[in-house]
Amino acid sequence: MYTRAMASTLLILLCIPNAHADKLEAATKGKKQTVQPHYGEVSSFDGTTIIFDEPLSFGETRGVGPEKLRDDTLPQSTTVPTQYTVKDTEIVITLGERDTQEPVDAGHPEFSVPGKIKDPDLLQAKVQKEKTKAGKTKATDRPVERDLTRCSGRGVDQVVEKDPRSNGATKIPVRGELQSIANGIVTLRRAPDTVVMKYRLDTLTELRIGMCP
């Protein structure tokens, strides 16, 4: 009975989008369509193509018996890289929580690394908050209808930063052209002054690529 319950719980967890995962929504310009959210992790971007690592579907877990789940603990999750070309596509990536990265430039205070939570009570409160957030996301996150029939061309990109001075708030989106995503760093050529900006993924909440005017 215990083994069966454990196996069922693990399989259910494999099916539910992770609260810490990135959510990607891609819509083709020039069309009216239903956009299905995808969950995974942004891997890289070379200026033209986004690589998004998505976990295998629930169907891929068939044949994995409760004994294997019990004896092997739980094998490392398997992901499949999916490509999204930004040409003629509008892509919005809502970024999940990440471990704090090293500063891009330690000489600048804006890139300072926030302190980690050491108080067990505060850590537990954070975990509970994430569980509540995950429940709300699962209940409200549905495919959406997007009408981009009058939209074409490359569009404009935006990065949305967290506001460290206010819990849950964000700064005004920075517009420009996304150059790359690599090793946890996002590079954007800012408009209209063409200054190249670098952002850590853990300091951002959203990436908007090819947005229509």
N, C-alpha and C. Protein backbone atom coordinates (compact mmCIF):
# COMPACT_ATOMS: atom_id res chain seq x y z
N MET A 1 0.82 -1.20 0.00
CA MET A 1 0.00 0.00 0.00
C MET A 1 0.87 1.26 0.00
N TYR A 2 1.92 1.25 0.86
CA TYR A 2 2.81 2.41 0.94
C TYR A 2 3.53 2.63 -0.38
N THR A 3 4.01 1.53 -0.98
CA THR A 3 4.74 1.63 -2.25
C THR A 3 3.85 2.20 -3.34
N ARG A 4 2.61 1.72 -3.38
CA ARG A 4 1.67 2.19 -4.40
C ARG A 4 1.38 3.69 -4.22
N ALA A 5 1.19 4.10 -2.98
CA ALA A 5 0.91 5.52 -2.71
C ALA A 5 2.10 6.38 -3.08
N MET A 6 3.32 5.90 -2.76
CA MET A 6 4.52 6.65 -3.08
C MET A 6 4.70 6.80 -4.58
N ALA A 7 4.45 5.71 -5.30
CA ALA A 7 4.60 5.75 -6.76
C ALA A 7 3.59 6.70 -7.37
N SER A 8 2.35 6.66 -6.87
CA SER A 8 1.32 7.55 -7.39
C SER A 8 1.67 9.00 -7.16
N THR A 9 2.20 9.29 -5.97
CA THR A 9 2.58 10.67 -5.65
C THR A 9 3.69 11.16 -6.56
N LEU A 10 4.71 10.31 -6.79
CA LEU A 10 5.82 10.70 -7.64
C LEU A 10 5.37 10.93 -9.07
N LEU A 11 4.49 10.08 -9.56
CA LEU A 11 4.02 10.24 -10.93
C LEU A 11 3.19 11.50 -11.09
N ILE A 12 2.41 11.83 -10.08
CA ILE A 12 1.62 13.05 -10.13
C ILE A 12 2.54 14.25 -10.16
N LEU A 13 3.61 14.21 -9.34
CA LEU A 13 4.54 15.33 -9.31
C LEU A 13 5.21 15.53 -10.67
N LEU A 14 5.43 14.42 -11.38
CA LEU A 14 6.05 14.53 -12.70
C LEU A 14 5.14 15.22 -13.70
N CYS A 15 3.84 15.18 -13.46
CA CYS A 15 2.88 15.75 -14.40
C CYS A 15 2.60 17.23 -14.13
N ILE A 16 2.82 17.68 -12.90
CA ILE A 16 2.48 19.05 -12.54
C ILE A 16 3.61 19.99 -12.87
N PRO A 17 3.36 21.10 -13.60
CA PRO A 17 4.41 22.06 -13.90
C PRO A 17 5.08 22.54 -12.63
N ASN A 18 6.41 22.55 -12.64
CA ASN A 18 7.18 22.97 -11.48
C ASN A 18 6.99 24.45 -11.23
N ALA A 19 6.78 24.80 -9.95
CA ALA A 19 6.61 26.22 -9.61
C ALA A 19 7.86 27.02 -9.92
N HIS A 20 9.00 26.34 -9.96
CA HIS A 20 10.26 27.03 -10.24
C HIS A 20 10.62 26.99 -11.72
N ALA A 21 9.83 26.32 -12.54
CA ALA A 21 10.15 26.19 -13.95
C ALA A 21 9.84 27.48 -14.71
N ASP A 22 10.50 27.64 -15.85
CA ASP A 22 10.18 28.75 -16.73
C ASP A 22 8.95 28.38 -17.56
N LYS A 23 8.14 29.37 -17.87
CA LYS A 23 6.95 29.14 -18.72
C LYS A 23 7.15 29.89 -20.02
N LEU A 24 7.04 29.20 -21.14
CA LEU A 24 7.22 29.81 -22.46
C LEU A 24 5.92 29.74 -23.23
N GLU A 25 5.54 30.88 -23.82
CA GLU A 25 4.37 30.96 -24.69
C GLU A 25 4.82 31.56 -26.02
N ALA A 26 4.60 30.83 -27.10
CA ALA A 26 5.02 31.28 -28.43
C ALA A 26 3.82 31.35 -29.37
N ALA A 27 3.69 32.49 -30.06
CA ALA A 27 2.59 32.69 -31.00
C ALA A 27 3.16 33.12 -32.35
N THR A 28 2.64 32.53 -33.42
CA THR A 28 3.09 32.84 -34.77
C THR A 28 2.41 34.11 -35.28
N LYS A 29 3.21 35.04 -35.77
CA LYS A 29 2.66 36.30 -36.28
C LYS A 29 1.90 36.06 -37.59
N GLY A 30 0.84 36.85 -37.78
CA GLY A 30 0.03 36.71 -38.97
C GLY A 30 -1.11 35.71 -38.80
N LYS A 31 -1.25 35.15 -37.58
CA LYS A 31 -2.29 34.14 -37.34
C LYS A 31 -3.10 34.45 -36.08
N LYS A 32 -4.29 33.84 -36.05
CA LYS A 32 -5.09 33.82 -34.83
C LYS A 32 -5.05 32.40 -34.32
N GLN A 33 -4.64 32.21 -33.06
CA GLN A 33 -4.36 30.87 -32.59
C GLN A 33 -4.55 30.74 -31.07
N THR A 34 -4.63 29.49 -30.63
CA THR A 34 -4.64 29.19 -29.20
C THR A 34 -3.22 28.85 -28.80
N VAL A 35 -2.71 29.57 -27.82
CA VAL A 35 -1.32 29.40 -27.39
C VAL A 35 -1.27 28.53 -26.14
N GLN A 36 -0.54 27.44 -26.24
CA GLN A 36 -0.40 26.50 -25.13
C GLN A 36 0.90 26.79 -24.38
N PRO A 37 0.85 26.99 -23.07
CA PRO A 37 2.10 27.24 -22.33
C PRO A 37 2.98 26.00 -22.26
N HIS A 38 4.29 26.20 -22.31
CA HIS A 38 5.26 25.12 -22.19
C HIS A 38 6.10 25.39 -20.94
N TYR A 39 6.44 24.33 -20.22
CA TYR A 39 7.20 24.47 -18.99
C TYR A 39 8.55 23.77 -19.12
N GLY A 40 9.58 24.40 -18.62
CA GLY A 40 10.93 23.84 -18.69
C GLY A 40 11.94 24.85 -18.21
N GLU A 41 13.04 24.97 -18.94
CA GLU A 41 14.09 25.91 -18.56
C GLU A 41 14.77 26.47 -19.80
N VAL A 42 14.95 27.79 -19.82
CA VAL A 42 15.67 28.42 -20.93
C VAL A 42 17.11 27.94 -20.89
N SER A 43 17.59 27.40 -22.01
CA SER A 43 18.95 26.91 -22.07
C SER A 43 19.89 27.93 -22.71
N SER A 44 19.50 28.43 -23.89
CA SER A 44 20.38 29.38 -24.58
C SER A 44 19.62 30.11 -25.67
N PHE A 45 20.25 31.17 -26.18
CA PHE A 45 19.71 31.94 -27.31
C PHE A 45 20.89 32.54 -28.06
N ASP A 46 20.90 32.36 -29.39
CA ASP A 46 22.03 32.84 -30.19
C ASP A 46 21.69 34.04 -31.05
N GLY A 47 20.55 34.66 -30.78
CA GLY A 47 20.13 35.80 -31.58
C GLY A 47 19.02 35.46 -32.55
N THR A 48 18.88 34.18 -32.86
CA THR A 48 17.84 33.75 -33.80
C THR A 48 16.97 32.61 -33.25
N THR A 49 17.58 31.73 -32.44
CA THR A 49 16.86 30.54 -31.96
C THR A 49 17.02 30.36 -30.46
N ILE A 50 15.89 30.12 -29.79
CA ILE A 50 15.89 29.83 -28.36
C ILE A 50 15.88 28.32 -28.18
N ILE A 51 16.75 27.82 -27.30
CA ILE A 51 16.74 26.42 -26.91
C ILE A 51 16.07 26.34 -25.55
N PHE A 52 14.95 25.61 -25.48
CA PHE A 52 14.16 25.51 -24.26
C PHE A 52 14.08 24.04 -23.87
N ASP A 53 14.64 23.70 -22.72
CA ASP A 53 14.65 22.31 -22.26
C ASP A 53 13.32 21.98 -21.59
N GLU A 54 12.57 21.05 -22.19
CA GLU A 54 11.27 20.65 -21.65
C GLU A 54 11.35 19.22 -21.13
N PRO A 55 10.71 18.94 -19.97
CA PRO A 55 10.72 17.57 -19.44
C PRO A 55 9.90 16.65 -20.32
N LEU A 56 10.22 15.36 -20.27
CA LEU A 56 9.45 14.38 -21.02
C LEU A 56 8.02 14.36 -20.51
N SER A 57 7.09 14.05 -21.40
CA SER A 57 5.68 14.03 -21.03
C SER A 57 5.39 12.87 -20.09
N PHE A 58 4.19 12.91 -19.48
CA PHE A 58 3.78 11.86 -18.54
C PHE A 58 3.78 10.49 -19.21
N GLY A 59 3.46 10.48 -20.51
CA GLY A 59 3.41 9.21 -21.22
C GLY A 59 4.75 8.49 -21.22
N GLU A 60 5.85 9.26 -21.10
CA GLU A 60 7.17 8.66 -21.12
C GLU A 60 7.47 7.89 -19.84
N THR A 61 6.65 8.08 -18.80
CA THR A 61 6.90 7.37 -17.54
C THR A 61 6.20 6.02 -17.50
N ARG A 62 5.43 5.68 -18.51
CA ARG A 62 4.76 4.38 -18.54
C ARG A 62 5.78 3.25 -18.58
N GLY A 63 5.48 2.19 -17.86
CA GLY A 63 6.42 1.09 -17.80
C GLY A 63 7.37 1.18 -16.63
N VAL A 64 7.37 2.33 -15.93
CA VAL A 64 8.20 2.49 -14.74
C VAL A 64 7.37 2.05 -13.55
N GLY A 65 7.64 0.86 -13.05
CA GLY A 65 6.84 0.30 -11.96
C GLY A 65 7.16 0.90 -10.62
N PRO A 66 6.29 0.68 -9.63
CA PRO A 66 6.51 1.22 -8.29
C PRO A 66 7.78 0.69 -7.64
N GLU A 67 8.17 -0.58 -7.98
CA GLU A 67 9.40 -1.12 -7.40
C GLU A 67 10.61 -0.33 -7.88
N LYS A 68 10.61 0.04 -9.16
CA LYS A 68 11.75 0.79 -9.70
C LYS A 68 11.81 2.18 -9.05
N LEU A 69 10.63 2.81 -8.89
CA LEU A 69 10.59 4.12 -8.26
C LEU A 69 11.08 4.02 -6.82
N ARG A 70 10.72 2.91 -6.16
CA ARG A 70 11.12 2.72 -4.76
C ARG A 70 12.61 2.43 -4.65
N ASP A 71 13.11 1.51 -5.48
CA ASP A 71 14.49 1.06 -5.37
C ASP A 71 15.49 2.06 -5.92
N ASP A 72 15.11 2.77 -6.98
CA ASP A 72 16.03 3.73 -7.60
C ASP A 72 15.86 5.13 -7.05
N THR A 73 15.07 5.25 -5.96
CA THR A 73 14.70 6.56 -5.42
C THR A 73 13.92 7.27 -6.51
N LEU A 74 14.52 8.19 -7.24
CA LEU A 74 13.87 8.80 -8.39
C LEU A 74 14.96 9.19 -9.36
N PRO A 75 14.99 8.65 -10.57
CA PRO A 75 16.04 8.97 -11.51
C PRO A 75 16.01 10.45 -11.87
N GLN A 76 17.16 10.96 -12.29
CA GLN A 76 17.24 12.36 -12.69
C GLN A 76 16.25 12.62 -13.82
N SER A 77 15.57 13.75 -13.74
CA SER A 77 14.57 14.08 -14.75
C SER A 77 15.22 14.22 -16.12
N THR A 78 14.55 13.73 -17.14
CA THR A 78 15.05 13.79 -18.50
C THR A 78 14.35 14.91 -19.25
N THR A 79 15.12 15.72 -19.95
CA THR A 79 14.55 16.83 -20.70
C THR A 79 14.87 16.69 -22.18
N VAL A 80 14.06 17.34 -22.98
CA VAL A 80 14.25 17.35 -24.42
C VAL A 80 14.40 18.80 -24.88
N PRO A 81 15.50 19.14 -25.58
CA PRO A 81 15.67 20.51 -26.06
C PRO A 81 14.72 20.81 -27.22
N THR A 82 13.96 21.88 -27.08
CA THR A 82 13.03 22.31 -28.13
C THR A 82 13.48 23.66 -28.66
N GLN A 83 13.45 23.82 -29.98
CA GLN A 83 13.91 25.07 -30.59
C GLN A 83 12.72 25.96 -30.95
N TYR A 84 12.87 27.26 -30.68
CA TYR A 84 11.88 28.26 -31.05
C TYR A 84 12.61 29.38 -31.80
N THR A 85 12.27 29.52 -33.07
CA THR A 85 12.89 30.57 -33.88
C THR A 85 12.13 31.87 -33.70
N VAL A 86 12.87 32.96 -33.45
CA VAL A 86 12.20 34.22 -33.13
C VAL A 86 11.68 34.96 -34.35
N LYS A 87 12.11 34.58 -35.54
CA LYS A 87 11.62 35.24 -36.75
C LYS A 87 10.13 34.96 -36.91
N ASP A 88 9.33 36.03 -37.03
CA ASP A 88 7.88 35.92 -37.20
C ASP A 88 7.20 35.21 -36.03
N THR A 89 7.81 35.28 -34.85
CA THR A 89 7.22 34.65 -33.66
C THR A 89 7.30 35.61 -32.48
N GLU A 90 6.21 35.66 -31.73
CA GLU A 90 6.18 36.46 -30.51
C GLU A 90 6.30 35.49 -29.33
N ILE A 91 7.32 35.67 -28.51
CA ILE A 91 7.60 34.73 -27.43
C ILE A 91 7.67 35.47 -26.09
N VAL A 92 6.96 34.94 -25.11
CA VAL A 92 7.01 35.48 -23.75
C VAL A 92 7.46 34.36 -22.82
N ILE A 93 8.53 34.61 -22.09
CA ILE A 93 9.06 33.63 -21.15
C ILE A 93 8.96 34.19 -19.74
N THR A 94 8.13 33.57 -18.92
CA THR A 94 8.03 33.93 -17.51
C THR A 94 9.03 33.08 -16.76
N LEU A 95 10.01 33.73 -16.15
CA LEU A 95 11.12 33.01 -15.53
C LEU A 95 10.77 32.54 -14.12
N GLY A 96 11.14 31.30 -13.82
CA GLY A 96 10.94 30.77 -12.48
C GLY A 96 12.06 31.20 -11.55
N GLU A 97 11.94 30.82 -10.28
CA GLU A 97 12.96 31.18 -9.30
C GLU A 97 14.25 30.42 -9.60
N ARG A 98 15.37 31.09 -9.36
CA ARG A 98 16.68 30.49 -9.59
C ARG A 98 17.59 30.72 -8.40
N ASP A 99 18.61 29.86 -8.28
CA ASP A 99 19.62 30.11 -7.26
C ASP A 99 20.37 31.38 -7.64
N THR A 100 20.79 32.13 -6.65
CA THR A 100 21.49 33.37 -6.89
C THR A 100 22.81 33.11 -7.60
N GLN A 101 23.06 33.87 -8.67
CA GLN A 101 24.28 33.73 -9.43
C GLN A 101 25.35 34.69 -8.94
N GLU A 102 26.57 34.47 -9.42
CA GLU A 102 27.64 35.41 -9.13
C GLU A 102 27.37 36.71 -9.88
N PRO A 103 27.89 37.84 -9.37
CA PRO A 103 27.67 39.12 -10.06
C PRO A 103 28.27 39.12 -11.46
N VAL A 104 27.63 39.85 -12.36
CA VAL A 104 28.20 40.04 -13.70
C VAL A 104 29.46 40.87 -13.57
N ASP A 105 29.40 41.90 -12.75
CA ASP A 105 30.52 42.80 -12.51
C ASP A 105 30.49 43.19 -11.04
N ALA A 106 31.39 42.60 -10.26
CA ALA A 106 31.38 42.82 -8.81
C ALA A 106 31.68 44.26 -8.43
N GLY A 107 32.21 45.04 -9.37
CA GLY A 107 32.53 46.43 -9.07
C GLY A 107 31.33 47.35 -9.08
N HIS A 108 30.19 46.85 -9.55
CA HIS A 108 28.99 47.66 -9.61
C HIS A 108 27.98 47.16 -8.59
N PRO A 109 27.51 48.03 -7.70
CA PRO A 109 26.58 47.61 -6.65
C PRO A 109 25.26 47.06 -7.18
N GLU A 110 24.87 47.47 -8.40
CA GLU A 110 23.60 46.98 -8.92
C GLU A 110 23.64 45.50 -9.23
N PHE A 111 24.85 44.94 -9.28
CA PHE A 111 24.99 43.52 -9.55
C PHE A 111 25.36 42.73 -8.30
N SER A 112 25.19 43.35 -7.14
CA SER A 112 25.55 42.68 -5.89
C SER A 112 24.64 41.48 -5.66
N VAL A 113 25.18 40.48 -5.00
CA VAL A 113 24.43 39.25 -4.75
C VAL A 113 23.65 39.38 -3.46
N PRO A 114 22.31 39.23 -3.50
CA PRO A 114 21.52 39.31 -2.28
C PRO A 114 21.91 38.20 -1.30
N GLY A 115 21.73 38.45 0.00
CA GLY A 115 22.08 37.45 1.01
C GLY A 115 21.12 36.28 0.99
N LYS A 116 21.61 35.12 1.28
CA LYS A 116 20.77 33.93 1.30
C LYS A 116 20.01 33.85 2.63
N ILE A 117 18.87 33.21 2.60
CA ILE A 117 18.07 33.07 3.80
C ILE A 117 18.72 32.03 4.72
N LYS A 118 19.03 32.44 5.95
CA LYS A 118 19.66 31.53 6.90
C LYS A 118 18.70 31.12 8.01
N ASP A 119 17.69 31.92 8.28
CA ASP A 119 16.74 31.64 9.33
C ASP A 119 15.80 30.52 8.88
N PRO A 120 15.75 29.38 9.60
CA PRO A 120 14.89 28.25 9.20
C PRO A 120 13.42 28.64 9.08
N ASP A 121 12.93 29.50 9.98
CA ASP A 121 11.53 29.91 9.92
C ASP A 121 11.24 30.71 8.66
N LEU A 122 12.17 31.59 8.30
CA LEU A 122 11.99 32.37 7.08
C LEU A 122 12.04 31.47 5.85
N LEU A 123 12.93 30.49 5.89
CA LEU A 123 13.05 29.55 4.78
C LEU A 123 11.77 28.75 4.62
N GLN A 124 11.19 28.30 5.73
CA GLN A 124 9.95 27.54 5.68
C GLN A 124 8.81 28.39 5.15
N ALA A 125 8.79 29.67 5.55
CA ALA A 125 7.76 30.59 5.06
C ALA A 125 7.88 30.77 3.55
N LYS A 126 9.12 30.82 3.06
CA LYS A 126 9.34 30.98 1.62
C LYS A 126 8.85 29.74 0.86
N VAL A 127 9.13 28.55 1.42
CA VAL A 127 8.69 27.30 0.79
C VAL A 127 7.17 27.26 0.72
N GLN A 128 6.50 27.64 1.81
CA GLN A 128 5.04 27.63 1.85
C GLN A 128 4.47 28.60 0.83
N LYS A 129 5.12 29.76 0.70
CA LYS A 129 4.68 30.77 -0.26
C LYS A 129 4.76 30.24 -1.68
N GLU A 130 5.83 29.49 -1.98
CA GLU A 130 6.00 28.92 -3.32
C GLU A 130 4.94 27.85 -3.59
N LYS A 131 4.58 27.05 -2.57
CA LYS A 131 3.54 26.04 -2.75
C LYS A 131 2.21 26.69 -3.06
N THR A 132 1.90 27.77 -2.34
CA THR A 132 0.64 28.49 -2.58
C THR A 132 0.63 29.08 -3.98
N LYS A 133 1.76 29.64 -4.39
CA LYS A 133 1.88 30.23 -5.73
C LYS A 133 1.68 29.16 -6.79
N ALA A 134 2.25 27.97 -6.57
CA ALA A 134 2.13 26.88 -7.54
C ALA A 134 0.68 26.46 -7.69
N GLY A 135 -0.06 26.41 -6.56
CA GLY A 135 -1.46 26.03 -6.61
C GLY A 135 -2.29 27.02 -7.40
N LYS A 136 -2.02 28.31 -7.21
CA LYS A 136 -2.75 29.34 -7.94
C LYS A 136 -2.43 29.28 -9.42
N THR A 137 -1.15 29.01 -9.73
CA THR A 137 -0.74 28.93 -11.14
C THR A 137 -1.45 27.79 -11.85
N LYS A 138 -1.50 26.64 -11.18
CA LYS A 138 -2.15 25.47 -11.78
C LYS A 138 -3.63 25.71 -12.02
N ALA A 139 -4.27 26.46 -11.10
CA ALA A 139 -5.71 26.70 -11.19
C ALA A 139 -6.07 27.71 -12.25
N THR A 140 -5.19 28.67 -12.52
CA THR A 140 -5.54 29.77 -13.42
C THR A 140 -4.84 29.73 -14.77
N ASP A 141 -3.80 28.93 -14.89
CA ASP A 141 -3.00 28.93 -16.11
C ASP A 141 -3.70 28.09 -17.18
N ARG A 142 -4.20 28.73 -18.19
CA ARG A 142 -4.92 28.05 -19.26
C ARG A 142 -4.38 28.52 -20.61
N PRO A 143 -4.55 27.71 -21.67
CA PRO A 143 -4.21 28.19 -23.02
C PRO A 143 -4.98 29.47 -23.32
N VAL A 144 -4.33 30.40 -24.02
CA VAL A 144 -4.97 31.69 -24.32
C VAL A 144 -5.08 31.89 -25.82
N GLU A 145 -6.07 32.65 -26.22
CA GLU A 145 -6.29 32.97 -27.63
C GLU A 145 -5.50 34.23 -27.98
N ARG A 146 -4.66 34.16 -29.00
CA ARG A 146 -3.88 35.32 -29.44
C ARG A 146 -4.19 35.64 -30.89
N ASP A 147 -4.49 36.90 -31.16
CA ASP A 147 -4.78 37.35 -32.52
C ASP A 147 -3.63 38.23 -33.01
N LEU A 148 -2.74 37.64 -33.81
CA LEU A 148 -1.60 38.37 -34.36
C LEU A 148 -1.71 38.49 -35.88
N THR A 149 -2.94 38.52 -36.38
CA THR A 149 -3.15 38.56 -37.82
C THR A 149 -2.61 39.84 -38.45
N ARG A 150 -2.50 40.91 -37.67
CA ARG A 150 -1.98 42.17 -38.20
C ARG A 150 -0.55 42.45 -37.76
N CYS A 151 0.11 41.43 -37.29
CA CYS A 151 1.47 41.60 -36.76
C CYS A 151 2.47 40.87 -37.66
N SER A 152 3.59 41.52 -37.94
CA SER A 152 4.63 40.89 -38.77
C SER A 152 5.98 41.54 -38.44
N GLY A 153 7.05 40.91 -38.93
CA GLY A 153 8.38 41.48 -38.71
C GLY A 153 9.00 41.01 -37.41
N ARG A 154 10.24 41.43 -37.18
CA ARG A 154 11.01 40.99 -36.01
C ARG A 154 10.43 41.50 -34.69
N GLY A 155 9.90 42.72 -34.67
CA GLY A 155 9.34 43.25 -33.44
C GLY A 155 10.43 43.73 -32.49
N VAL A 156 10.05 44.01 -31.25
CA VAL A 156 10.99 44.53 -30.26
C VAL A 156 11.06 43.57 -29.07
N ASP A 157 12.23 43.51 -28.44
CA ASP A 157 12.42 42.65 -27.28
C ASP A 157 12.39 43.48 -25.99
N GLN A 158 12.08 42.82 -24.89
CA GLN A 158 12.05 43.49 -23.59
C GLN A 158 12.56 42.54 -22.51
N VAL A 159 13.22 43.11 -21.53
CA VAL A 159 13.56 42.34 -20.32
C VAL A 159 12.89 43.05 -19.15
N VAL A 160 12.36 42.26 -18.22
CA VAL A 160 11.68 42.82 -17.05
C VAL A 160 12.46 42.41 -15.81
N GLU A 161 12.96 43.41 -15.08
CA GLU A 161 13.77 43.16 -13.88
C GLU A 161 12.93 43.16 -12.62
N LYS A 162 13.37 42.36 -11.65
CA LYS A 162 12.80 42.43 -10.31
C LYS A 162 13.23 43.75 -9.67
N ASP A 163 12.38 44.26 -8.81
CA ASP A 163 12.73 45.45 -8.04
C ASP A 163 13.13 44.99 -6.65
N PRO A 164 14.43 44.98 -6.32
CA PRO A 164 14.88 44.47 -5.03
C PRO A 164 14.38 45.28 -3.84
N ARG A 165 13.89 46.48 -4.10
CA ARG A 165 13.42 47.34 -3.00
C ARG A 165 11.97 47.04 -2.61
N SER A 166 11.29 46.25 -3.44
CA SER A 166 9.89 45.95 -3.16
C SER A 166 9.59 44.50 -3.50
N ASN A 167 9.18 43.73 -2.52
CA ASN A 167 8.93 42.30 -2.71
C ASN A 167 7.82 42.05 -3.73
N GLY A 168 8.16 41.34 -4.82
CA GLY A 168 7.17 40.99 -5.83
C GLY A 168 6.98 42.03 -6.92
N ALA A 169 7.54 43.22 -6.74
CA ALA A 169 7.38 44.27 -7.75
C ALA A 169 8.45 44.14 -8.84
N THR A 170 8.19 44.79 -9.97
CA THR A 170 9.15 44.78 -11.08
C THR A 170 9.44 46.20 -11.53
N LYS A 171 10.56 46.33 -12.23
CA LYS A 171 10.93 47.63 -12.79
C LYS A 171 10.25 47.80 -14.16
N ILE A 172 10.36 49.00 -14.70
CA ILE A 172 9.82 49.26 -16.04
C ILE A 172 10.60 48.42 -17.06
N PRO A 173 9.94 47.73 -17.99
CA PRO A 173 10.64 46.90 -18.97
C PRO A 173 11.68 47.69 -19.76
N VAL A 174 12.81 47.05 -20.03
CA VAL A 174 13.87 47.66 -20.83
C VAL A 174 13.73 47.13 -22.25
N ARG A 175 13.59 48.04 -23.21
CA ARG A 175 13.37 47.66 -24.61
C ARG A 175 14.69 47.61 -25.38
N GLY A 176 14.70 46.78 -26.42
CA GLY A 176 15.88 46.70 -27.27
C GLY A 176 15.87 45.45 -28.11
N GLU A 177 17.06 44.92 -28.40
CA GLU A 177 17.19 43.68 -29.17
C GLU A 177 18.00 42.68 -28.37
N LEU A 178 17.39 41.54 -28.10
CA LEU A 178 18.07 40.50 -27.34
C LEU A 178 19.18 39.91 -28.19
N GLN A 179 20.39 39.91 -27.65
CA GLN A 179 21.55 39.41 -28.39
C GLN A 179 21.84 37.94 -28.10
N SER A 180 21.78 37.58 -26.81
CA SER A 180 22.11 36.19 -26.46
C SER A 180 21.67 35.87 -25.04
N ILE A 181 21.58 34.55 -24.79
CA ILE A 181 21.41 34.02 -23.44
C ILE A 181 22.41 32.88 -23.33
N ALA A 182 23.33 33.01 -22.38
CA ALA A 182 24.35 31.98 -22.22
C ALA A 182 24.91 32.03 -20.80
N ASN A 183 25.06 30.85 -20.19
CA ASN A 183 25.64 30.74 -18.86
C ASN A 183 24.92 31.62 -17.83
N GLY A 184 23.60 31.70 -17.96
CA GLY A 184 22.82 32.46 -17.00
C GLY A 184 22.85 33.96 -17.18
N ILE A 185 23.42 34.43 -18.30
CA ILE A 185 23.53 35.86 -18.57
C ILE A 185 22.73 36.23 -19.82
N VAL A 186 21.91 37.27 -19.71
CA VAL A 186 21.13 37.78 -20.83
C VAL A 186 21.79 39.06 -21.34
N THR A 187 22.05 39.11 -22.64
CA THR A 187 22.66 40.30 -23.25
C THR A 187 21.65 40.99 -24.14
N LEU A 188 21.44 42.28 -23.91
CA LEU A 188 20.45 43.06 -24.66
C LEU A 188 21.09 44.34 -25.17
N ARG A 189 20.87 44.63 -26.47
CA ARG A 189 21.29 45.92 -27.02
C ARG A 189 20.13 46.89 -26.84
N ARG A 190 20.29 47.79 -25.88
CA ARG A 190 19.20 48.66 -25.47
C ARG A 190 18.83 49.68 -26.55
N ALA A 191 17.53 49.97 -26.67
CA ALA A 191 17.06 51.00 -27.60
C ALA A 191 16.70 52.24 -26.78
N PRO A 192 16.90 53.44 -27.35
CA PRO A 192 17.43 53.70 -28.70
C PRO A 192 18.92 54.00 -28.72
N ASP A 193 19.61 53.93 -27.56
CA ASP A 193 21.02 54.34 -27.52
C ASP A 193 22.00 53.24 -27.87
N THR A 194 21.53 52.00 -28.14
CA THR A 194 22.32 50.83 -28.56
C THR A 194 23.38 50.41 -27.54
N VAL A 195 23.25 50.84 -26.30
CA VAL A 195 24.17 50.40 -25.25
C VAL A 195 23.91 48.92 -24.96
N VAL A 196 24.98 48.13 -24.87
CA VAL A 196 24.84 46.71 -24.58
C VAL A 196 24.73 46.50 -23.07
N MET A 197 23.63 45.89 -22.64
CA MET A 197 23.36 45.64 -21.23
C MET A 197 23.42 44.14 -20.95
N LYS A 198 23.89 43.80 -19.75
CA LYS A 198 23.94 42.39 -19.34
C LYS A 198 23.15 42.23 -18.04
N TYR A 199 22.35 41.15 -17.99
CA TYR A 199 21.50 40.88 -16.84
C TYR A 199 21.66 39.42 -16.42
N ARG A 200 21.66 39.18 -15.12
CA ARG A 200 21.62 37.82 -14.62
C ARG A 200 20.19 37.32 -14.69
N LEU A 201 20.01 36.06 -15.08
CA LEU A 201 18.67 35.49 -15.18
C LEU A 201 17.94 35.52 -13.83
N ASP A 202 18.68 35.38 -12.74
CA ASP A 202 18.03 35.34 -11.44
C ASP A 202 17.51 36.71 -10.99
N THR A 203 17.86 37.77 -11.74
CA THR A 203 17.37 39.11 -11.40
C THR A 203 16.20 39.53 -12.28
N LEU A 204 15.77 38.64 -13.19
CA LEU A 204 14.70 38.96 -14.14
C LEU A 204 13.44 38.14 -13.84
N THR A 205 12.29 38.68 -14.26
CA THR A 205 11.05 37.94 -14.13
C THR A 205 10.46 37.53 -15.49
N GLU A 206 10.78 38.31 -16.53
CA GLU A 206 10.24 37.99 -17.86
C GLU A 206 11.20 38.37 -18.98
N LEU A 207 11.11 37.59 -20.06
CA LEU A 207 11.78 37.91 -21.32
C LEU A 207 10.69 37.97 -22.38
N ARG A 208 10.61 39.08 -23.09
CA ARG A 208 9.60 39.23 -24.14
C ARG A 208 10.34 39.44 -25.46
N ILE A 209 10.13 38.53 -26.39
CA ILE A 209 10.90 38.54 -27.64
C ILE A 209 9.99 38.70 -28.84
N GLY A 210 10.36 39.65 -29.72
CA GLY A 210 9.59 39.86 -30.95
C GLY A 210 8.22 40.41 -30.72
N MET A 211 8.07 41.26 -29.72
CA MET A 211 6.75 41.78 -29.40
C MET A 211 6.24 42.75 -30.47
N CYS A 212 4.95 42.65 -30.77
CA CYS A 212 4.35 43.52 -31.76
C CYS A 212 4.15 44.91 -31.17
N PRO A 213 4.16 45.94 -32.00
CA PRO A 213 3.95 47.31 -31.52
C PRO A 213 2.58 47.46 -30.83
